[in-house]
Protein backbone atom coordinates (compact mmCIF):
# COMPACT_ATOMS: atom_id res chain seq x y z
CA MET A 1 24.03 130.66 113.90
CA LYS A 2 24.80 132.18 117.27
CA LEU A 3 22.14 132.77 119.88
CA ARG A 4 22.57 136.11 121.59
CA ASN A 5 20.53 135.36 124.66
CA ARG A 6 19.70 138.25 126.95
CA SER A 7 17.21 135.93 128.63
CA PHE A 8 14.63 133.49 127.37
CA ILE A 9 10.94 133.39 126.69
CA TYR A 10 8.03 131.08 126.38
CA ILE A 11 5.96 131.98 123.38
CA SER A 12 2.34 132.81 122.75
CA VAL A 13 0.36 135.31 120.69
CA LEU A 14 -2.88 137.19 120.21
CA MET A 15 -3.59 137.75 116.54
CA LEU A 16 -5.81 139.40 113.88
CA THR A 17 -8.22 138.78 110.96
CA LEU A 18 -7.90 135.67 108.80
CA LEU A 19 -7.37 136.47 105.15
CA LEU A 20 -5.39 133.84 103.34
CA VAL A 21 -6.19 130.16 103.75
CA VAL A 22 -3.03 128.08 103.67
CA THR A 23 -2.23 124.44 103.25
CA GLY A 24 0.70 122.49 104.62
CA CYS A 25 2.81 119.94 102.82
CA SER A 26 1.05 116.75 101.81
CA GLU A 27 3.31 114.52 103.89
CA GLU A 28 1.85 113.17 107.11
CA TYR A 29 3.85 111.66 109.93
CA GLY A 30 2.02 109.93 112.75
CA GLY A 31 -0.95 111.58 114.37
CA ASN A 32 -1.68 115.19 115.23
CA PRO A 33 -0.58 115.83 118.81
CA THR A 34 -2.39 119.17 118.93
CA ASN A 35 -5.73 117.60 118.09
CA PRO A 36 -6.01 113.98 119.27
CA SER A 37 -8.85 112.13 117.58
CA SER A 38 -9.19 109.29 120.11
CA THR A 39 -11.89 110.95 122.19
CA ARG A 40 -14.36 108.06 121.97
CA GLY A 41 -14.67 105.73 124.91
CA LEU A 42 -14.17 108.26 127.69
CA PRO A 43 -15.51 107.01 131.03
CA ALA A 44 -18.68 108.56 132.40
CA ASP A 45 -18.40 111.44 134.87
CA PRO A 46 -17.24 109.71 138.09
CA GLY A 47 -18.91 112.26 140.38
CA ASP A 48 -17.67 114.90 142.81
CA GLY A 49 -14.25 114.28 144.32
CA ASN A 50 -13.40 111.58 141.78
CA PHE A 51 -11.51 111.66 138.49
CA ALA A 52 -11.48 109.46 135.38
CA GLY A 53 -10.08 109.49 131.90
CA LYS A 54 -8.46 107.80 128.96
CA VAL A 55 -4.77 107.90 128.00
CA VAL A 56 -3.53 107.82 124.41
CA GLY A 57 -0.15 108.24 122.75
CA THR A 58 0.88 111.77 121.82
CA ILE A 59 2.50 110.66 118.56
CA ASN A 60 0.39 107.75 117.29
CA GLU A 61 -2.82 108.31 119.32
CA ASN A 62 -3.07 104.61 120.24
CA VAL A 63 -4.66 103.78 123.59
CA LEU A 64 -2.04 103.17 126.28
CA ALA A 65 -2.71 100.24 128.60
CA GLY A 66 -0.81 99.41 131.76
CA LEU A 67 0.25 102.95 132.60
CA LYS A 68 0.38 104.09 136.20
CA VAL A 69 -1.85 107.10 136.88
CA THR A 70 -1.09 109.02 140.06
CA ILE A 71 -2.80 111.97 141.74
CA GLY A 72 -1.24 112.83 145.08
CA GLU A 73 -1.03 109.62 147.12
CA LYS A 74 -3.60 107.74 145.04
CA SER A 75 -2.77 105.70 141.97
CA THR A 76 -4.24 103.18 139.55
CA THR A 77 -3.42 101.53 136.22
CA THR A 78 -4.97 102.10 132.81
CA GLY A 79 -6.99 99.22 131.40
CA LEU A 80 -6.69 97.60 127.99
CA ASP A 81 -8.81 100.42 126.58
CA GLY A 82 -6.58 103.07 128.14
CA THR A 83 -9.17 104.16 130.70
CA PHE A 84 -8.78 104.71 134.44
CA ARG A 85 -10.63 105.99 137.50
CA LEU A 86 -9.41 107.43 140.79
CA ASP A 87 -11.78 108.15 143.68
CA GLY A 88 -11.33 110.66 146.46
CA VAL A 89 -8.78 112.88 144.75
CA GLY A 90 -10.65 116.13 145.31
CA SER A 91 -11.60 118.98 143.00
CA GLY A 92 -10.00 121.96 141.29
CA ASN A 93 -6.48 121.91 139.88
CA LEU A 94 -4.93 118.45 139.81
CA ALA A 95 -1.47 117.24 138.80
CA VAL A 96 -1.98 113.90 137.04
CA VAL A 97 1.23 111.89 136.66
CA LEU A 98 1.37 109.30 133.86
CA SER A 99 4.26 106.84 134.03
CA GLY A 100 5.38 103.49 132.67
CA SER A 101 8.03 101.81 130.57
CA THR A 102 6.29 102.70 127.30
CA VAL A 103 6.10 106.47 127.81
CA TYR A 104 8.14 109.43 128.96
CA THR A 105 6.73 110.35 132.36
CA ARG A 106 4.16 113.11 132.00
CA THR A 107 2.63 115.46 134.56
CA ALA A 108 -0.59 116.84 133.11
CA ALA A 109 -2.27 119.83 134.73
CA VAL A 110 -6.07 119.50 134.73
CA ASN A 111 -8.93 121.38 136.32
CA THR A 112 -12.03 119.42 137.26
CA ALA A 113 -14.15 122.48 136.49
CA ASN A 114 -13.53 121.59 132.83
CA GLY A 115 -14.64 117.99 133.34
CA ARG A 116 -13.99 115.02 135.60
CA SER A 117 -13.50 112.59 132.72
CA VAL A 118 -10.81 113.74 130.31
CA LEU A 119 -8.55 112.60 127.49
CA LEU A 120 -4.85 112.66 128.40
CA ASP A 121 -1.79 111.86 126.32
CA ALA A 122 1.81 110.86 126.93
CA ILE A 123 4.76 110.65 124.54
CA GLU A 124 5.55 107.08 123.52
CA THR A 125 9.13 105.87 123.91
CA ASN A 126 8.71 103.50 120.95
CA SER A 127 7.84 106.10 118.31
CA ASN A 128 9.41 108.60 115.94
CA PHE A 129 9.94 110.95 118.88
CA SER A 130 13.56 111.77 119.81
CA LEU A 131 14.07 113.20 123.28
CA LYS A 132 17.52 114.54 122.36
CA PHE A 133 16.18 116.37 119.31
CA TYR A 134 13.15 117.65 121.25
CA ARG A 135 15.39 119.04 123.98
CA GLU A 136 17.37 120.95 121.35
CA LEU A 137 14.38 122.24 119.41
CA ALA A 138 12.10 123.05 122.34
CA ARG A 139 14.48 123.74 125.21
CA GLY A 140 17.69 125.13 123.71
CA ASN A 141 19.79 122.11 124.65
CA HIS A 142 21.92 122.21 121.50
CA PRO A 143 25.58 121.34 122.27
CA ASN A 144 26.57 124.94 121.55
CA GLU A 145 23.97 126.36 123.94
CA ARG A 146 23.29 123.80 126.71
CA ASN A 147 20.07 125.35 128.01
CA MET A 148 16.96 123.60 129.30
CA TYR A 149 14.16 126.14 128.94
CA PRO A 150 10.44 125.49 129.38
CA THR A 151 8.28 125.37 126.25
CA HIS A 152 7.41 128.71 124.71
CA ARG A 153 5.01 129.20 121.84
CA TRP A 154 2.04 131.12 120.45
CA THR A 155 -1.23 130.23 122.15
CA SER A 156 -3.93 132.53 120.75
CA THR A 157 -6.70 130.84 118.81
CA THR A 158 -6.24 133.50 116.11
CA PRO A 159 -3.17 133.33 113.82
CA PRO A 160 -0.65 136.20 113.79
CA THR A 161 -0.75 138.96 111.23
CA PHE A 162 2.38 138.87 109.09
CA TYR A 163 3.72 142.13 107.66
CA ILE A 164 6.25 142.26 104.82
CA ASN A 165 8.07 145.56 105.22
CA THR A 166 8.50 147.38 101.87
CA ASN A 167 10.99 149.90 103.27
CA ALA A 168 14.12 149.24 101.19
CA GLN A 169 16.45 151.71 102.94
CA ALA A 170 18.87 148.93 103.88
CA THR A 171 18.91 147.05 100.56
CA LEU A 172 21.58 147.29 97.88
CA ASP A 173 19.13 147.66 94.99
CA GLY A 174 16.82 150.05 96.84
CA THR A 175 13.67 148.00 96.33
CA ILE A 176 11.67 145.12 97.78
CA ASN A 177 10.54 143.53 94.54
CA GLN A 178 7.43 141.47 93.92
CA LYS A 179 9.45 138.28 93.57
CA THR A 180 10.73 138.67 97.12
CA ILE A 181 7.26 139.47 98.45
CA ASP A 182 5.80 136.44 96.69
CA THR A 183 8.58 134.23 98.06
CA VAL A 184 7.82 135.30 101.63
CA LYS A 185 4.09 134.69 101.13
CA GLN A 186 4.68 131.25 99.63
CA VAL A 187 7.02 130.18 102.42
CA LEU A 188 4.54 131.34 105.05
CA SER A 189 1.75 129.38 103.39
CA GLU A 190 3.85 126.22 103.62
CA ILE A 191 5.39 126.55 107.07
CA VAL A 192 2.70 128.09 109.29
CA PRO A 193 0.53 124.94 109.59
CA VAL A 194 3.63 122.81 110.26
CA PHE A 195 5.38 125.24 112.60
CA SER A 196 2.17 125.54 114.64
CA GLY A 197 1.47 121.80 114.69
CA ASN A 198 -1.69 122.51 112.65
CA TYR A 199 -2.78 124.85 115.43
CA TYR A 200 -3.19 127.53 112.75
CA SER A 201 -4.78 126.70 109.41
CA ALA A 202 -5.08 130.25 108.07
CA LEU A 203 -3.10 133.46 108.19
CA SER A 204 -3.13 137.11 107.21
CA VAL A 205 -0.20 138.43 105.17
CA LYS A 206 0.08 142.14 104.37
CA THR A 207 2.65 144.46 102.84
CA ARG A 208 3.34 147.67 104.74
CA TYR A 209 5.92 150.44 104.65
CA PHE A 210 7.46 150.94 108.08
CA ALA A 211 9.22 154.31 107.93
CA THR A 212 11.26 153.43 111.00
CA LEU A 213 11.86 150.30 113.02
CA ASN A 214 13.81 151.45 116.03
CA SER A 215 11.91 149.49 118.67
CA PHE A 216 8.99 147.13 119.24
CA ALA A 217 6.84 150.19 119.94
CA GLN A 218 6.68 150.73 116.17
CA ILE A 219 5.42 147.20 115.48
CA PRO A 220 1.67 146.47 115.72
CA GLU A 221 0.45 144.37 118.60
CA ASN A 222 0.31 140.63 118.00
CA SER A 223 2.19 140.63 114.73
CA ILE A 224 5.31 139.44 112.96
CA VAL A 225 7.24 141.83 110.70
CA VAL A 226 9.65 140.59 108.02
CA SER A 227 12.14 143.26 106.85
CA PHE A 228 15.17 143.15 104.57
CA ASP A 229 18.56 144.55 105.57
CA ASP A 230 21.67 143.91 103.49
CA THR A 231 23.90 145.52 106.14
CA LEU A 232 23.74 142.19 107.98
CA VAL A 233 26.29 140.79 105.54
CA ASP A 234 28.86 143.09 107.13
CA ILE A 235 28.80 140.81 110.20
CA GLY A 236 28.40 137.61 108.18
CA ALA A 237 24.72 137.19 109.01
CA TYR A 238 21.87 135.96 106.83
CA GLY A 239 19.26 137.09 109.32
CA LEU A 240 18.43 138.45 112.75
CA THR A 241 15.31 137.65 114.78
CA VAL A 242 14.11 139.42 117.91
CA THR A 243 11.04 138.39 119.91
CA ASP A 244 9.15 140.52 122.43
CA PRO A 245 7.53 138.86 125.47
CA ASP A 246 4.01 139.47 126.70
CA PHE A 247 3.55 138.80 130.43
CA VAL A 248 0.13 137.16 130.45
CA SER A 249 0.67 134.14 132.68
CA SER A 250 2.02 133.45 136.14
CA VAL A 251 3.87 130.40 134.82
CA GLY A 252 5.57 131.93 131.80
CA THR A 253 5.55 134.60 129.14
CA SER A 254 4.34 134.70 125.57
CA ILE A 255 5.64 136.47 122.49
CA ASN A 256 3.65 139.56 121.75
CA LYS A 257 5.65 140.61 118.68
CA ALA A 258 8.45 139.27 116.50
CA ALA A 259 10.80 141.13 114.16
CA HIS A 260 12.81 139.41 111.44
CA PHE A 261 15.58 141.07 109.40
CA ILE A 262 16.90 139.13 106.39
CA LEU A 263 19.43 139.72 103.59
CA ASP A 264 17.75 140.91 100.37
CA SER A 265 20.25 140.92 97.51
CA ASP A 266 20.11 137.90 95.17
CA GLN A 267 23.92 137.72 95.10
CA PHE A 268 23.91 136.37 98.66
CA TYR A 269 21.65 133.40 97.94
CA LYS A 270 22.02 130.04 96.28
CA SER A 271 22.11 130.08 92.47
CA GLY A 272 23.90 128.48 89.56
CA THR A 273 26.81 130.84 90.07
CA ASN A 274 26.68 130.62 93.86
CA PRO A 275 25.94 126.94 94.61
CA THR A 276 27.41 126.90 98.12
CA ALA A 277 25.11 129.61 99.48
CA ILE A 278 21.73 128.99 101.14
CA ALA A 279 18.35 129.55 99.47
CA LEU A 280 16.25 132.54 100.50
CA ARG A 281 13.30 130.25 101.21
CA GLU A 282 15.29 128.31 103.78
CA ILE A 283 16.54 131.45 105.53
CA ILE A 284 12.98 132.77 105.80
CA ALA A 285 11.81 129.45 107.25
CA HIS A 286 14.71 129.29 109.73
CA GLU A 287 14.14 132.82 111.02
CA LEU A 288 10.38 132.28 111.29
CA GLY A 289 11.15 129.09 113.19
CA HIS A 290 12.68 131.21 115.93
CA GLY A 291 9.60 133.42 115.80
CA PHE A 292 7.39 130.39 116.42
CA GLY A 293 9.43 129.35 119.46
CA TYR A 294 12.04 126.95 118.15
CA ARG A 295 15.72 126.88 118.95
CA HIS A 296 18.75 125.43 117.22
CA ALA A 297 18.90 121.69 116.67
CA SER A 298 21.17 119.23 114.89
CA ALA A 299 20.46 115.79 116.38
CA LEU A 300 18.17 115.08 113.41
CA PRO A 301 17.70 116.79 110.00
CA THR A 302 16.00 120.14 110.61
CA VAL A 303 15.54 123.62 109.18
CA MET A 304 16.73 124.89 112.58
CA TYR A 305 20.24 123.56 111.90
CA PRO A 306 22.61 126.36 112.97
CA ALA A 307 25.68 125.65 110.86
CA GLU A 308 25.24 124.67 107.21
CA GLU A 309 22.48 124.43 104.62
CA PHE A 310 19.56 122.12 105.45
CA GLY A 311 18.01 122.09 101.97
CA GLY A 312 14.32 122.69 102.59
CA LEU A 313 11.65 124.38 104.71
CA TYR A 314 11.25 121.63 107.31
CA SER A 315 11.81 117.91 107.82
CA SER A 316 9.49 115.12 108.91
CA PHE A 317 11.24 115.30 112.28
CA ASP A 318 10.45 119.00 112.52
CA GLN A 319 6.82 118.21 111.74
CA ILE A 320 6.51 115.61 114.50
CA HIS A 321 8.33 117.47 117.25
CA MET A 322 6.87 120.89 116.47
CA ALA A 323 3.41 119.39 116.82
CA VAL A 324 4.35 118.01 120.25
CA ILE A 325 5.61 121.42 121.36
CA TYR A 326 2.37 123.05 120.28
CA SER A 327 0.36 120.46 122.18
CA ARG A 328 2.01 121.51 125.44
CA PRO A 329 1.32 124.68 127.46
CA ILE A 330 3.89 127.41 127.94
CA GLY A 331 5.95 126.63 130.99
CA ASN A 332 6.05 122.86 130.36
CA THR A 333 9.40 121.64 131.72
CA ASP A 334 11.64 118.67 130.98
CA ILE A 335 10.80 115.96 130.34
CA ASP A 336 7.07 116.63 130.10
CA ASN A 337 5.68 118.49 133.12
CA ASP A 338 2.84 120.96 132.73
CA PRO A 339 2.85 123.88 135.19
CA LEU A 340 -0.03 124.17 137.61
CA PRO A 341 -1.92 127.49 137.66
CA ASN A 342 -0.32 130.10 139.92
CA ALA A 343 2.98 128.22 139.89
CA LYS A 344 6.11 130.36 140.01
CA ALA A 345 7.46 131.30 136.59
CA PHE A 346 10.74 129.65 135.61
CA GLY A 347 13.59 132.15 135.80
CA GLY A 348 11.66 135.30 136.71
CA ILE A 349 11.23 138.36 134.48
CA LEU A 350 12.14 137.73 130.87
CA GLN A 351 13.26 140.09 128.12
CA PRO A 352 13.50 140.09 124.30
CA GLN A 353 15.58 137.30 122.83
CA ILE A 354 17.95 137.73 119.92
CA PHE A 355 19.01 135.17 117.30
CA VAL A 356 21.71 136.02 114.74
CA ASP A 357 22.18 133.66 111.77
CA ASP A 358 25.91 133.93 111.04
CA ARG A 359 26.06 131.47 108.14
CA ALA A 360 26.76 134.19 105.51
CA ASN A 361 30.46 133.44 105.74
CA PHE A 362 31.30 133.91 102.06
CA MET A 363 33.92 136.35 100.71
CA LYS A 364 32.95 140.04 100.59
CA SER A 365 34.79 142.31 98.20
CA PRO A 366 36.00 145.74 99.35
CA GLU A 367 33.53 147.29 96.89
CA LEU A 368 30.62 145.36 98.38
CA LEU A 369 31.58 146.39 101.89
CA ARG A 370 31.86 150.00 100.74
CA GLN A 371 28.35 149.84 99.29
CA ILE A 372 27.04 148.27 102.49
CA GLN A 373 28.46 151.12 104.54
CA THR A 374 26.38 153.63 102.56
CA LEU A 375 23.11 151.95 103.55
CA THR A 376 20.90 152.97 106.46
CA ARG A 377 20.67 150.03 108.83
CA PHE A 378 17.35 149.50 110.63
CA GLY A 379 17.47 150.87 114.16
CA MET A 380 16.47 147.57 115.78
CA VAL A 381 19.30 145.79 114.00
CA GLN A 382 21.79 148.39 115.16
CA GLU A 383 20.48 148.27 118.73
CA TYR A 384 20.50 144.52 119.18
CA LEU A 385 23.83 143.95 117.45
CA THR A 386 25.51 146.27 119.92
CA LYS A 387 24.12 144.53 123.01
C-alpha cells in the first residue's frame, strides 16, 4: 500500500449512541495499558507544592523499582514498591520524567489539580514491546515512509458510529448484499476493542444510503463510513481511506470523520479459485486500522502490513502495541513524551490524510476494465486520487 500523505494527523473522536455490545478475541497478551490495575498502594497526598506517586510497567503492570523520577531540577528514585515522593516541585502542570535501564524514558504530563499522588507507567525494555514496530505502527516510520509523527488516535469516551453505505453505484453487481453487510459488522465487532486498546467496548453500526459522497460535508459528525467502490481496481487498489482532522487541542488534532472505500465484487477476493488474493475481512480490518490511527508496519506480523497478505484481522503484536498507543495522549512524541498543555502543535495546521491500498495487483481483463469504466465512482475517491 502507498501512503498519499498531504500532511499528517493525530487522531481522536466524539461519538454517538451505543447499540451493539462487542467482544474482542479471547487471546490476552500482557496487561491492559489503557487501564492499569495496579492502583493499590499509592502514597498519601504529600501536600501543597509536593508530588508523589507509584510507577508500574505499561505492558506487564509490575511495580518498577529503582527508576529515576525527575521534575525540573529535583529527582528521586522509586522504592521496591514502585513509589516515590518529591517535595517543593510546585503546582499545576508538571513534566515528570521517568528513566532507568529497565524502561524507555518517559515524560508524563500531569496536573496537580487532578491529584498530587498519581499512578504513572513506563514501557519496559524487557517485554513484548518492540520499539521498531511501535515506531512504524504509531509514527509512520516504515522503511517506505520514514516519518516520525506524534501519536494520533480517537479520544472520546463514546465510541464512533459506523455507517455501512448501501449505495451500490460503484459496484459491478449493483448491490450491497446482506453477506457483505454482515461481514463488515462481524469484523467491526472483533477489531474495535483491540484497535482501541479496549478503550471502546461497544459500538453502533448502522446501514445508510448516502446518495452522494463528494466531501466530508456529507458525512455525519463523529462517524466512520464504509462504502464499496469497484472502480478502485482500475488503479490496482483494494481500498482507500481518508481521515478528516478536528482541531480541538493546542498540541495536536483529532479525527472528526473517516471515510473508507473498499472493493465489493467477490471475484477480487480470496477463494478456492483465487487463492492468491486477500480476504475481504482482512482488507476491512486494514482500512479500519488507518481509521483508528495506525500506519504501515512490517517489523512484526501485523494486519497493517503494506505489501502482501497478512492472513487475519490482527496479531498479538498489534494487540500489545495498539493498546500502548491508546494509553498515550495525542501529541505524544518519540520515544514516549507527553505534550504539556498549551505546547505548540507538531508541524502546524494539518489536513486530511489519504491511504491507498495498492495490493490488488492481479490481472484485469479488457472486459472487466470496460465494465469498470461504466460505473460511477464516488466523488471523494475521484477527488483524492487526483491529488
